[in-house]
Amino acid sequence: MKVFDEKCTYHLILISKNGYKLFRSDSDKIKMLRIINEQIIDSGSAIYAFAIMDTHIHLEINSKNIKELALNIIKAYTGYYSQKYSYQGALFVYPPTIKDKPVLQWQVDTLIYIINNPIEANMAKTYSEYKYSSYRFYTKEGSPLRSFIQIDTSLFSNNFKSIFEFRIAAHAKLQYELEVKRFKVGLDHYRGGGQ
């Protein structure tokens, strides 16, 4: 197995322009996975986690040229989408959001954050229920998406003894994030004079 430079790990977020729905069908999501996989292989990179949402995508990637990789993914999917749906114009916010994650704990936190994203957005009640994330790649059963994208599970397996331990950590982080959101809503309500 190829060893990657830990300092070249990033949280890449590709966001649709104006909240536009990026995926109209499962086949669109599959196409995006194929594009990501092709670009990951071509660039000699690795992907540790993903979650495809309606209006954005979270990716945790190890790459020596993350900006070029992101641009290639955007261009390829925009070309596909434009042709399929006769769409004109920019589909994604550019430049994309790229967050540097050179520290191992940040990388683990990002992995958990990405897997929690569909749950936090109320798109699923359980981790395994949400089909378009990398969660099932970390389980013994594996993911039906493995024929479309290759996930490097080493970040997961090197930091969690089991999927059960991962779920405990993910659930704790999710509860913390929800509590922070409730606090912010309460604070905004208080500052606004309760209106």
N, C-alpha and C. Protein backbone atom coordinates (compact mmCIF):
# COMPACT_ATOMS: atom_id res chain seq x y z
N MET A 1 0.84 -1.19 0.00
CA MET A 1 0.00 0.00 0.00
C MET A 1 0.88 1.25 0.00
N LYS A 2 0.48 2.21 -0.79
CA LYS A 2 1.22 3.47 -0.91
C LYS A 2 1.14 4.26 0.39
N VAL A 3 2.25 4.84 0.83
CA VAL A 3 2.26 5.67 2.02
C VAL A 3 2.19 7.13 1.59
N PHE A 4 1.24 7.87 2.15
CA PHE A 4 1.02 9.26 1.77
C PHE A 4 1.58 10.19 2.84
N ASP A 5 1.95 11.38 2.40
CA ASP A 5 2.45 12.41 3.31
C ASP A 5 1.28 12.95 4.13
N GLU A 6 1.35 12.72 5.44
CA GLU A 6 0.28 13.14 6.35
C GLU A 6 -0.03 14.64 6.25
N LYS A 7 0.99 15.44 5.93
CA LYS A 7 0.81 16.88 5.89
C LYS A 7 0.03 17.36 4.66
N CYS A 8 -0.25 16.44 3.72
CA CYS A 8 -0.96 16.81 2.49
C CYS A 8 -2.42 16.35 2.52
N THR A 9 -3.03 16.36 3.70
CA THR A 9 -4.42 15.95 3.83
C THR A 9 -5.30 17.18 3.94
N TYR A 10 -6.44 17.14 3.23
CA TYR A 10 -7.32 18.30 3.13
C TYR A 10 -8.78 17.89 3.24
N HIS A 11 -9.58 18.82 3.75
CA HIS A 11 -11.03 18.71 3.70
C HIS A 11 -11.47 19.60 2.54
N LEU A 12 -11.94 18.96 1.49
CA LEU A 12 -12.38 19.66 0.28
C LEU A 12 -13.91 19.68 0.27
N ILE A 13 -14.48 20.88 0.14
CA ILE A 13 -15.93 21.02 0.08
C ILE A 13 -16.29 21.68 -1.24
N LEU A 14 -17.04 20.97 -2.05
CA LEU A 14 -17.50 21.49 -3.34
C LEU A 14 -18.97 21.87 -3.16
N ILE A 15 -19.27 23.16 -3.32
CA ILE A 15 -20.60 23.70 -3.02
C ILE A 15 -21.25 24.21 -4.31
N SER A 16 -22.53 23.91 -4.46
CA SER A 16 -23.24 24.39 -5.64
C SER A 16 -23.46 25.90 -5.56
N LYS A 17 -23.50 26.51 -6.71
CA LYS A 17 -23.74 27.95 -6.77
C LYS A 17 -25.22 28.23 -6.49
N ASN A 18 -25.48 29.20 -5.62
CA ASN A 18 -26.84 29.62 -5.29
C ASN A 18 -27.72 28.51 -4.71
N GLY A 19 -27.10 27.54 -4.02
CA GLY A 19 -27.88 26.47 -3.39
C GLY A 19 -28.56 25.54 -4.38
N TYR A 20 -28.05 25.50 -5.61
CA TYR A 20 -28.63 24.70 -6.68
C TYR A 20 -28.44 23.21 -6.38
N LYS A 21 -29.42 22.37 -6.71
CA LYS A 21 -29.33 20.94 -6.49
C LYS A 21 -28.38 20.32 -7.50
N LEU A 22 -27.29 19.75 -7.02
CA LEU A 22 -26.26 19.18 -7.89
C LEU A 22 -26.62 17.82 -8.45
N PHE A 23 -27.46 17.08 -7.72
CA PHE A 23 -27.76 15.70 -8.09
C PHE A 23 -29.27 15.50 -8.20
N ARG A 24 -29.72 15.19 -9.40
CA ARG A 24 -31.15 15.01 -9.62
C ARG A 24 -31.54 13.53 -9.54
N SER A 25 -30.53 12.66 -9.53
CA SER A 25 -30.82 11.22 -9.49
C SER A 25 -29.62 10.48 -8.89
N ASP A 26 -29.85 9.21 -8.57
CA ASP A 26 -28.75 8.38 -8.08
C ASP A 26 -27.65 8.25 -9.14
N SER A 27 -28.05 8.24 -10.41
CA SER A 27 -27.05 8.11 -11.48
C SER A 27 -26.11 9.31 -11.49
N ASP A 28 -26.61 10.49 -11.10
CA ASP A 28 -25.74 11.67 -11.00
C ASP A 28 -24.71 11.48 -9.88
N LYS A 29 -25.14 10.92 -8.76
CA LYS A 29 -24.23 10.68 -7.64
C LYS A 29 -23.17 9.64 -8.01
N ILE A 30 -23.61 8.61 -8.72
CA ILE A 30 -22.67 7.58 -9.18
C ILE A 30 -21.65 8.19 -10.14
N LYS A 31 -22.11 9.06 -11.03
CA LYS A 31 -21.21 9.73 -11.97
C LYS A 31 -20.18 10.55 -11.21
N MET A 32 -20.61 11.28 -10.19
CA MET A 32 -19.68 12.07 -9.40
C MET A 32 -18.64 11.17 -8.73
N LEU A 33 -19.06 10.04 -8.18
CA LEU A 33 -18.12 9.11 -7.55
C LEU A 33 -17.09 8.60 -8.57
N ARG A 34 -17.56 8.28 -9.77
CA ARG A 34 -16.65 7.81 -10.82
C ARG A 34 -15.64 8.91 -11.20
N ILE A 35 -16.11 10.14 -11.30
CA ILE A 35 -15.22 11.26 -11.64
C ILE A 35 -14.18 11.46 -10.54
N ILE A 36 -14.63 11.47 -9.29
CA ILE A 36 -13.69 11.63 -8.16
C ILE A 36 -12.66 10.52 -8.20
N ASN A 37 -13.11 9.28 -8.37
CA ASN A 37 -12.20 8.14 -8.38
C ASN A 37 -11.16 8.26 -9.49
N GLU A 38 -11.62 8.63 -10.67
CA GLU A 38 -10.71 8.79 -11.81
C GLU A 38 -9.65 9.86 -11.52
N GLN A 39 -10.08 10.98 -10.96
CA GLN A 39 -9.15 12.07 -10.67
C GLN A 39 -8.18 11.70 -9.53
N ILE A 40 -8.67 10.96 -8.55
CA ILE A 40 -7.82 10.50 -7.44
C ILE A 40 -6.72 9.59 -7.99
N ILE A 41 -7.10 8.65 -8.82
CA ILE A 41 -6.12 7.71 -9.40
C ILE A 41 -5.13 8.45 -10.30
N ASP A 42 -5.64 9.29 -11.19
CA ASP A 42 -4.78 10.02 -12.13
C ASP A 42 -3.76 10.92 -11.43
N SER A 43 -4.15 11.46 -10.28
CA SER A 43 -3.26 12.38 -9.56
C SER A 43 -2.39 11.70 -8.51
N GLY A 44 -2.54 10.38 -8.35
CA GLY A 44 -1.75 9.67 -7.34
C GLY A 44 -2.14 10.07 -5.92
N SER A 45 -3.40 10.40 -5.73
CA SER A 45 -3.90 10.85 -4.43
C SER A 45 -4.64 9.71 -3.73
N ALA A 46 -5.22 10.01 -2.57
CA ALA A 46 -6.03 9.04 -1.83
C ALA A 46 -7.23 9.77 -1.25
N ILE A 47 -8.35 9.06 -1.16
CA ILE A 47 -9.53 9.62 -0.52
C ILE A 47 -9.86 8.78 0.71
N TYR A 48 -10.03 9.44 1.86
CA TYR A 48 -10.30 8.77 3.12
C TYR A 48 -11.78 8.77 3.48
N ALA A 49 -12.50 9.81 3.06
CA ALA A 49 -13.92 9.93 3.44
C ALA A 49 -14.65 10.80 2.42
N PHE A 50 -15.95 10.53 2.28
CA PHE A 50 -16.79 11.39 1.45
C PHE A 50 -18.23 11.34 1.94
N ALA A 51 -18.95 12.40 1.64
CA ALA A 51 -20.41 12.43 1.82
C ALA A 51 -20.96 13.32 0.72
N ILE A 52 -21.82 12.73 -0.10
CA ILE A 52 -22.46 13.48 -1.17
C ILE A 52 -23.82 13.94 -0.66
N MET A 53 -24.00 15.24 -0.59
CA MET A 53 -25.26 15.82 -0.15
C MET A 53 -26.00 16.35 -1.39
N ASP A 54 -27.11 17.03 -1.21
CA ASP A 54 -27.86 17.54 -2.37
C ASP A 54 -27.17 18.73 -3.03
N THR A 55 -26.63 19.64 -2.20
CA THR A 55 -26.08 20.89 -2.72
C THR A 55 -24.58 21.03 -2.54
N HIS A 56 -23.94 20.02 -1.95
CA HIS A 56 -22.50 20.08 -1.74
C HIS A 56 -21.94 18.68 -1.51
N ILE A 57 -20.61 18.61 -1.52
CA ILE A 57 -19.91 17.35 -1.32
C ILE A 57 -18.76 17.59 -0.35
N HIS A 58 -18.61 16.68 0.60
CA HIS A 58 -17.46 16.72 1.51
C HIS A 58 -16.51 15.59 1.12
N LEU A 59 -15.23 15.93 1.00
CA LEU A 59 -14.21 14.93 0.68
C LEU A 59 -13.01 15.14 1.61
N GLU A 60 -12.46 14.05 2.11
CA GLU A 60 -11.18 14.13 2.83
C GLU A 60 -10.16 13.43 1.95
N ILE A 61 -9.21 14.22 1.48
CA ILE A 61 -8.28 13.76 0.45
C ILE A 61 -6.84 14.03 0.84
N ASN A 62 -5.98 13.10 0.49
CA ASN A 62 -4.55 13.31 0.61
C ASN A 62 -4.03 13.51 -0.81
N SER A 63 -3.48 14.69 -1.08
CA SER A 63 -3.04 15.01 -2.43
C SER A 63 -1.91 16.04 -2.40
N LYS A 64 -0.97 15.89 -3.30
CA LYS A 64 0.11 16.88 -3.41
C LYS A 64 -0.31 18.09 -4.23
N ASN A 65 -1.44 17.99 -4.94
CA ASN A 65 -1.94 19.13 -5.73
C ASN A 65 -3.45 19.21 -5.62
N ILE A 66 -3.93 19.57 -4.45
CA ILE A 66 -5.37 19.57 -4.16
C ILE A 66 -6.14 20.56 -5.02
N LYS A 67 -5.55 21.72 -5.33
CA LYS A 67 -6.27 22.73 -6.14
C LYS A 67 -6.54 22.22 -7.55
N GLU A 68 -5.54 21.62 -8.16
CA GLU A 68 -5.72 21.07 -9.51
C GLU A 68 -6.73 19.92 -9.49
N LEU A 69 -6.63 19.07 -8.48
CA LEU A 69 -7.56 17.95 -8.34
C LEU A 69 -9.00 18.45 -8.21
N ALA A 70 -9.21 19.45 -7.35
CA ALA A 70 -10.55 20.02 -7.16
C ALA A 70 -11.08 20.61 -8.47
N LEU A 71 -10.25 21.35 -9.17
CA LEU A 71 -10.65 21.97 -10.43
C LEU A 71 -11.03 20.90 -11.46
N ASN A 72 -10.27 19.82 -11.53
CA ASN A 72 -10.56 18.75 -12.49
C ASN A 72 -11.90 18.06 -12.18
N ILE A 73 -12.19 17.87 -10.89
CA ILE A 73 -13.47 17.28 -10.50
C ILE A 73 -14.61 18.21 -10.90
N ILE A 74 -14.46 19.49 -10.59
CA ILE A 74 -15.49 20.49 -10.92
C ILE A 74 -15.74 20.55 -12.42
N LYS A 75 -14.66 20.61 -13.20
CA LYS A 75 -14.80 20.70 -14.66
C LYS A 75 -15.47 19.47 -15.24
N ALA A 76 -15.05 18.30 -14.78
CA ALA A 76 -15.61 17.05 -15.32
C ALA A 76 -17.09 16.91 -14.99
N TYR A 77 -17.47 17.20 -13.75
CA TYR A 77 -18.89 17.05 -13.38
C TYR A 77 -19.74 18.13 -14.03
N THR A 78 -19.23 19.34 -14.13
CA THR A 78 -19.98 20.43 -14.78
C THR A 78 -20.23 20.08 -16.25
N GLY A 79 -19.22 19.52 -16.91
CA GLY A 79 -19.38 19.11 -18.31
C GLY A 79 -20.46 18.04 -18.45
N TYR A 80 -20.41 17.05 -17.57
CA TYR A 80 -21.42 15.98 -17.58
C TYR A 80 -22.83 16.56 -17.34
N TYR A 81 -22.94 17.39 -16.31
CA TYR A 81 -24.24 17.95 -15.91
C TYR A 81 -24.80 18.87 -17.00
N SER A 82 -23.94 19.69 -17.57
CA SER A 82 -24.37 20.62 -18.62
C SER A 82 -24.90 19.88 -19.83
N GLN A 83 -24.23 18.81 -20.20
CA GLN A 83 -24.67 18.03 -21.36
C GLN A 83 -25.97 17.28 -21.06
N LYS A 84 -26.06 16.68 -19.88
CA LYS A 84 -27.24 15.88 -19.54
C LYS A 84 -28.49 16.72 -19.36
N TYR A 85 -28.34 17.90 -18.73
CA TYR A 85 -29.50 18.71 -18.38
C TYR A 85 -29.60 20.03 -19.15
N SER A 86 -28.78 20.18 -20.18
CA SER A 86 -28.75 21.43 -20.97
C SER A 86 -28.61 22.65 -20.07
N TYR A 87 -27.69 22.53 -19.13
CA TYR A 87 -27.45 23.59 -18.15
C TYR A 87 -26.30 24.47 -18.64
N GLN A 88 -26.45 25.78 -18.46
CA GLN A 88 -25.38 26.70 -18.85
C GLN A 88 -24.94 27.52 -17.64
N GLY A 89 -23.65 27.78 -17.56
CA GLY A 89 -23.12 28.61 -16.48
C GLY A 89 -22.37 27.80 -15.45
N ALA A 90 -21.88 28.50 -14.44
CA ALA A 90 -21.11 27.86 -13.36
C ALA A 90 -22.04 27.05 -12.48
N LEU A 91 -21.63 25.85 -12.15
CA LEU A 91 -22.42 24.96 -11.31
C LEU A 91 -21.95 25.00 -9.85
N PHE A 92 -20.64 25.23 -9.66
CA PHE A 92 -20.03 25.22 -8.33
C PHE A 92 -19.51 26.60 -7.94
N VAL A 93 -19.49 26.87 -6.65
CA VAL A 93 -18.82 28.05 -6.12
C VAL A 93 -17.33 27.86 -6.37
N TYR A 94 -16.68 28.91 -6.88
CA TYR A 94 -15.25 28.82 -7.15
C TYR A 94 -14.56 30.07 -6.61
N PRO A 95 -13.43 29.93 -5.92
CA PRO A 95 -12.69 28.70 -5.68
C PRO A 95 -13.39 27.82 -4.64
N PRO A 96 -13.11 26.51 -4.68
CA PRO A 96 -13.73 25.61 -3.71
C PRO A 96 -13.14 25.83 -2.31
N THR A 97 -13.84 25.34 -1.32
CA THR A 97 -13.36 25.43 0.07
C THR A 97 -12.35 24.30 0.30
N ILE A 98 -11.13 24.68 0.64
CA ILE A 98 -10.07 23.71 0.91
C ILE A 98 -9.50 24.02 2.29
N LYS A 99 -9.68 23.07 3.22
CA LYS A 99 -9.19 23.25 4.59
C LYS A 99 -8.02 22.30 4.82
N ASP A 100 -6.89 22.88 5.15
CA ASP A 100 -5.66 22.13 5.40
C ASP A 100 -5.79 21.35 6.71
N LYS A 101 -5.46 20.05 6.69
CA LYS A 101 -5.55 19.19 7.87
C LYS A 101 -4.23 18.43 8.08
N PRO A 102 -3.14 19.15 8.43
CA PRO A 102 -1.83 18.51 8.55
C PRO A 102 -1.62 17.72 9.84
N VAL A 103 -2.53 17.84 10.81
CA VAL A 103 -2.38 17.17 12.10
C VAL A 103 -3.33 15.97 12.16
N LEU A 104 -2.84 14.83 12.65
CA LEU A 104 -3.62 13.60 12.66
C LEU A 104 -4.97 13.78 13.35
N GLN A 105 -5.01 14.42 14.50
CA GLN A 105 -6.28 14.58 15.22
C GLN A 105 -7.29 15.37 14.39
N TRP A 106 -6.81 16.37 13.65
CA TRP A 106 -7.70 17.13 12.77
C TRP A 106 -8.26 16.23 11.66
N GLN A 107 -7.41 15.33 11.18
CA GLN A 107 -7.83 14.42 10.11
C GLN A 107 -8.92 13.47 10.62
N VAL A 108 -8.74 12.95 11.82
CA VAL A 108 -9.73 12.05 12.42
C VAL A 108 -11.03 12.81 12.67
N ASP A 109 -10.93 14.03 13.20
CA ASP A 109 -12.12 14.86 13.43
C ASP A 109 -12.86 15.14 12.12
N THR A 110 -12.12 15.37 11.04
CA THR A 110 -12.73 15.63 9.73
C THR A 110 -13.45 14.40 9.22
N LEU A 111 -12.83 13.24 9.38
CA LEU A 111 -13.46 11.98 8.99
C LEU A 111 -14.81 11.83 9.70
N ILE A 112 -14.83 12.05 11.00
CA ILE A 112 -16.06 11.95 11.78
C ILE A 112 -17.07 13.01 11.32
N TYR A 113 -16.60 14.23 11.13
CA TYR A 113 -17.48 15.32 10.71
C TYR A 113 -18.18 14.97 9.39
N ILE A 114 -17.43 14.44 8.44
CA ILE A 114 -17.99 14.11 7.13
C ILE A 114 -19.05 13.02 7.25
N ILE A 115 -18.78 11.98 8.04
CA ILE A 115 -19.73 10.89 8.22
C ILE A 115 -20.98 11.37 8.96
N ASN A 116 -20.80 12.32 9.88
CA ASN A 116 -21.94 12.88 10.63
C ASN A 116 -22.80 13.81 9.79
N ASN A 117 -22.27 14.36 8.71
CA ASN A 117 -22.95 15.41 7.96
C ASN A 117 -24.37 15.02 7.51
N PRO A 118 -24.58 13.85 6.91
CA PRO A 118 -25.95 13.49 6.50
C PRO A 118 -26.90 13.31 7.69
N ILE A 119 -26.38 12.84 8.82
CA ILE A 119 -27.21 12.65 10.02
C ILE A 119 -27.61 14.03 10.56
N GLU A 120 -26.64 14.92 10.64
CA GLU A 120 -26.90 16.27 11.15
C GLU A 120 -27.89 17.02 10.26
N ALA A 121 -27.86 16.72 8.96
CA ALA A 121 -28.77 17.37 8.01
C ALA A 121 -30.12 16.66 7.90
N ASN A 122 -30.35 15.67 8.78
CA ASN A 122 -31.60 14.90 8.81
C ASN A 122 -31.88 14.18 7.49
N MET A 123 -30.82 13.73 6.81
CA MET A 123 -30.99 12.98 5.58
C MET A 123 -31.05 11.47 5.85
N ALA A 124 -30.69 11.10 7.07
CA ALA A 124 -30.74 9.70 7.51
C ALA A 124 -30.75 9.67 9.03
N LYS A 125 -31.26 8.57 9.59
CA LYS A 125 -31.28 8.42 11.05
C LYS A 125 -30.06 7.67 11.55
N THR A 126 -29.50 6.80 10.72
CA THR A 126 -28.32 6.02 11.12
C THR A 126 -27.23 6.16 10.06
N TYR A 127 -25.99 5.86 10.45
CA TYR A 127 -24.85 5.98 9.54
C TYR A 127 -24.99 5.04 8.35
N SER A 128 -25.37 3.81 8.60
CA SER A 128 -25.45 2.83 7.51
C SER A 128 -26.63 3.09 6.58
N GLU A 129 -27.63 3.83 7.06
CA GLU A 129 -28.81 4.13 6.24
C GLU A 129 -28.47 5.07 5.08
N TYR A 130 -27.48 5.95 5.30
CA TYR A 130 -27.15 6.92 4.24
C TYR A 130 -26.20 6.27 3.24
N LYS A 131 -26.68 6.05 2.05
CA LYS A 131 -25.94 5.29 1.03
C LYS A 131 -24.72 6.02 0.48
N TYR A 132 -24.82 7.36 0.34
CA TYR A 132 -23.77 8.09 -0.37
C TYR A 132 -22.76 8.76 0.55
N SER A 133 -22.22 7.95 1.45
CA SER A 133 -21.06 8.37 2.26
C SER A 133 -20.11 7.19 2.32
N SER A 134 -18.93 7.43 2.84
CA SER A 134 -17.91 6.37 2.90
C SER A 134 -18.08 5.47 4.12
N TYR A 135 -19.08 5.69 4.95
CA TYR A 135 -19.24 4.93 6.20
C TYR A 135 -19.18 3.42 5.97
N ARG A 136 -19.92 2.92 5.01
CA ARG A 136 -19.99 1.46 4.82
C ARG A 136 -18.66 0.86 4.37
N PHE A 137 -17.79 1.67 3.84
CA PHE A 137 -16.45 1.16 3.46
C PHE A 137 -15.67 0.72 4.69
N TYR A 138 -15.99 1.26 5.85
CA TYR A 138 -15.26 0.95 7.08
C TYR A 138 -15.83 -0.27 7.79
N THR A 139 -16.95 -0.80 7.31
CA THR A 139 -17.59 -1.95 7.96
C THR A 139 -17.13 -3.25 7.32
N LYS A 140 -17.37 -4.36 8.01
CA LYS A 140 -17.00 -5.68 7.48
C LYS A 140 -17.77 -6.02 6.21
N GLU A 141 -19.02 -5.55 6.15
CA GLU A 141 -19.87 -5.85 4.98
C GLU A 141 -19.37 -5.13 3.73
N GLY A 142 -18.78 -3.97 3.92
CA GLY A 142 -18.32 -3.18 2.78
C GLY A 142 -19.46 -2.40 2.14
N SER A 143 -19.13 -1.62 1.15
CA SER A 143 -20.11 -0.76 0.50
C SER A 143 -20.43 -1.23 -0.91
N PRO A 144 -21.69 -1.13 -1.32
CA PRO A 144 -22.03 -1.43 -2.71
C PRO A 144 -21.42 -0.41 -3.68
N LEU A 145 -20.93 0.70 -3.15
CA LEU A 145 -20.33 1.74 -4.00
C LEU A 145 -18.87 1.44 -4.35
N ARG A 146 -18.31 0.35 -3.83
CA ARG A 146 -16.88 0.06 -4.05
C ARG A 146 -16.55 -0.21 -5.52
N SER A 147 -17.57 -0.47 -6.33
CA SER A 147 -17.30 -0.66 -7.77
C SER A 147 -17.18 0.69 -8.50
N PHE A 148 -17.48 1.79 -7.79
CA PHE A 148 -17.41 3.12 -8.40
C PHE A 148 -16.27 3.98 -7.85
N ILE A 149 -15.85 3.71 -6.61
CA ILE A 149 -14.82 4.54 -5.98
C ILE A 149 -14.00 3.70 -5.01
N GLN A 150 -12.70 3.96 -4.99
CA GLN A 150 -11.79 3.27 -4.07
C GLN A 150 -11.49 4.18 -2.89
N ILE A 151 -11.78 3.69 -1.69
CA ILE A 151 -11.53 4.46 -0.48
C ILE A 151 -10.35 3.87 0.26
N ASP A 152 -9.42 4.73 0.67
CA ASP A 152 -8.30 4.32 1.51
C ASP A 152 -8.83 4.33 2.95
N THR A 153 -9.01 3.17 3.53
CA THR A 153 -9.60 3.07 4.87
C THR A 153 -8.56 3.13 5.98
N SER A 154 -7.31 3.43 5.65
CA SER A 154 -6.25 3.41 6.66
C SER A 154 -6.44 4.46 7.76
N LEU A 155 -6.97 5.63 7.42
CA LEU A 155 -7.19 6.65 8.45
C LEU A 155 -8.19 6.13 9.48
N PHE A 156 -9.22 5.45 9.01
CA PHE A 156 -10.19 4.83 9.92
C PHE A 156 -9.54 3.70 10.71
N SER A 157 -8.95 2.73 10.02
CA SER A 157 -8.45 1.52 10.70
C SER A 157 -7.26 1.79 11.62
N ASN A 158 -6.48 2.82 11.34
CA ASN A 158 -5.34 3.14 12.21
C ASN A 158 -5.74 3.90 13.47
N ASN A 159 -6.98 4.38 13.52
CA ASN A 159 -7.39 5.22 14.65
C ASN A 159 -8.60 4.70 15.42
N PHE A 160 -9.23 3.64 14.91
CA PHE A 160 -10.37 3.04 15.61
C PHE A 160 -10.21 1.53 15.61
N LYS A 161 -10.46 0.92 16.77
CA LYS A 161 -10.31 -0.54 16.89
C LYS A 161 -11.46 -1.28 16.21
N SER A 162 -12.60 -0.61 16.11
CA SER A 162 -13.77 -1.25 15.52
C SER A 162 -14.74 -0.19 15.02
N ILE A 163 -15.72 -0.64 14.25
CA ILE A 163 -16.76 0.28 13.78
C ILE A 163 -17.60 0.75 14.96
N PHE A 164 -17.72 -0.08 15.98
CA PHE A 164 -18.46 0.28 17.19
C PHE A 164 -17.78 1.46 17.89
N GLU A 165 -16.46 1.38 18.03
CA GLU A 165 -15.70 2.48 18.66
C GLU A 165 -15.84 3.77 17.83
N PHE A 166 -15.82 3.62 16.52
CA PHE A 166 -16.00 4.78 15.65
C PHE A 166 -17.37 5.41 15.86
N ARG A 167 -18.43 4.57 15.91
CA ARG A 167 -19.78 5.10 16.09
C ARG A 167 -19.93 5.85 17.42
N ILE A 168 -19.28 5.35 18.47
CA ILE A 168 -19.33 6.04 19.77
C ILE A 168 -18.70 7.43 19.65
N ALA A 169 -17.53 7.50 19.01
CA ALA A 169 -16.84 8.79 18.82
C ALA A 169 -17.66 9.72 17.93
N ALA A 170 -18.23 9.18 16.86
CA ALA A 170 -19.01 9.99 15.93
C ALA A 170 -20.28 10.52 16.61
N HIS A 171 -20.93 9.65 17.39
CA HIS A 171 -22.15 10.08 18.08
C HIS A 171 -21.85 11.17 19.10
N ALA A 172 -20.74 11.03 19.83
CA ALA A 172 -20.36 12.05 20.82
C ALA A 172 -20.10 13.39 20.13
N LYS A 173 -19.40 13.35 19.00
CA LYS A 173 -19.13 14.59 18.26
C LYS A 173 -20.41 15.19 17.72
N LEU A 174 -21.32 14.36 17.23
CA LEU A 174 -22.59 14.83 16.72
C LEU A 174 -23.40 15.53 17.82
N GLN A 175 -23.45 14.92 18.99
CA GLN A 175 -24.18 15.53 20.11
C GLN A 175 -23.57 16.88 20.48
N TYR A 176 -22.24 16.95 20.47
CA TYR A 176 -21.55 18.21 20.77
C TYR A 176 -21.91 19.28 19.73
N GLU A 177 -21.86 18.91 18.44
CA GLU A 177 -22.17 19.86 17.36
C GLU A 177 -23.62 20.36 17.46
N LEU A 178 -24.53 19.47 17.78
CA LEU A 178 -25.94 19.86 17.91
C LEU A 178 -26.14 20.78 19.11
N GLU A 179 -25.41 20.52 20.19
CA GLU A 179 -25.49 21.38 21.37
C GLU A 179 -24.95 22.78 21.06
N VAL A 180 -23.84 22.85 20.31
CA VAL A 180 -23.28 24.14 19.91
C VAL A 180 -24.29 24.91 19.05
N LYS A 181 -24.96 24.21 18.12
CA LYS A 181 -25.97 24.86 17.27
C LYS A 181 -27.12 25.40 18.11
N ARG A 182 -27.58 24.60 19.07
CA ARG A 182 -28.68 25.06 19.94
C ARG A 182 -28.25 26.28 20.74
N PHE A 183 -27.02 26.28 21.21
CA PHE A 183 -26.49 27.41 21.97
C PHE A 183 -26.47 28.67 21.10
N LYS A 184 -25.99 28.53 19.85
CA LYS A 184 -25.92 29.67 18.94
C LYS A 184 -27.30 30.22 18.62
N VAL A 185 -28.27 29.33 18.42
CA VAL A 185 -29.64 29.76 18.14
C VAL A 185 -30.19 30.52 19.35
N GLY A 186 -29.94 29.99 20.55
CA GLY A 186 -30.37 30.65 21.77
C GLY A 186 -29.72 32.00 21.95
N LEU A 187 -28.43 32.07 21.64
CA LEU A 187 -27.69 33.33 21.76
C LEU A 187 -28.22 34.35 20.76
N ASP A 188 -28.45 33.93 19.52
CA ASP A 188 -29.01 34.83 18.51
C ASP A 188 -30.40 35.31 18.93
N HIS A 189 -31.19 34.42 19.50
CA HIS A 189 -32.53 34.78 19.96
C HIS A 189 -32.43 35.83 21.08
N TYR A 190 -31.49 35.59 22.00
CA TYR A 190 -31.28 36.52 23.12
C TYR A 190 -30.83 37.89 22.61
N ARG A 191 -29.87 37.90 21.69
CA ARG A 191 -29.35 39.17 21.14
C ARG A 191 -30.42 39.93 20.36
N GLY A 192 -31.31 39.16 19.74
CA GLY A 192 -32.38 39.80 18.96
C GLY A 192 -33.56 40.24 19.81
N GLY A 193 -33.41 40.10 21.11
CA GLY A 193 -34.48 40.54 22.01
C GLY A 193 -35.66 39.60 22.05
N GLY A 194 -35.38 38.31 21.67
CA GLY A 194 -36.45 37.32 21.76
C GLY A 194 -37.43 37.37 20.61
N GLN A 195 -37.08 38.06 19.55
CA GLN A 195 -38.01 38.15 18.41
C GLN A 195 -37.72 37.09 17.38
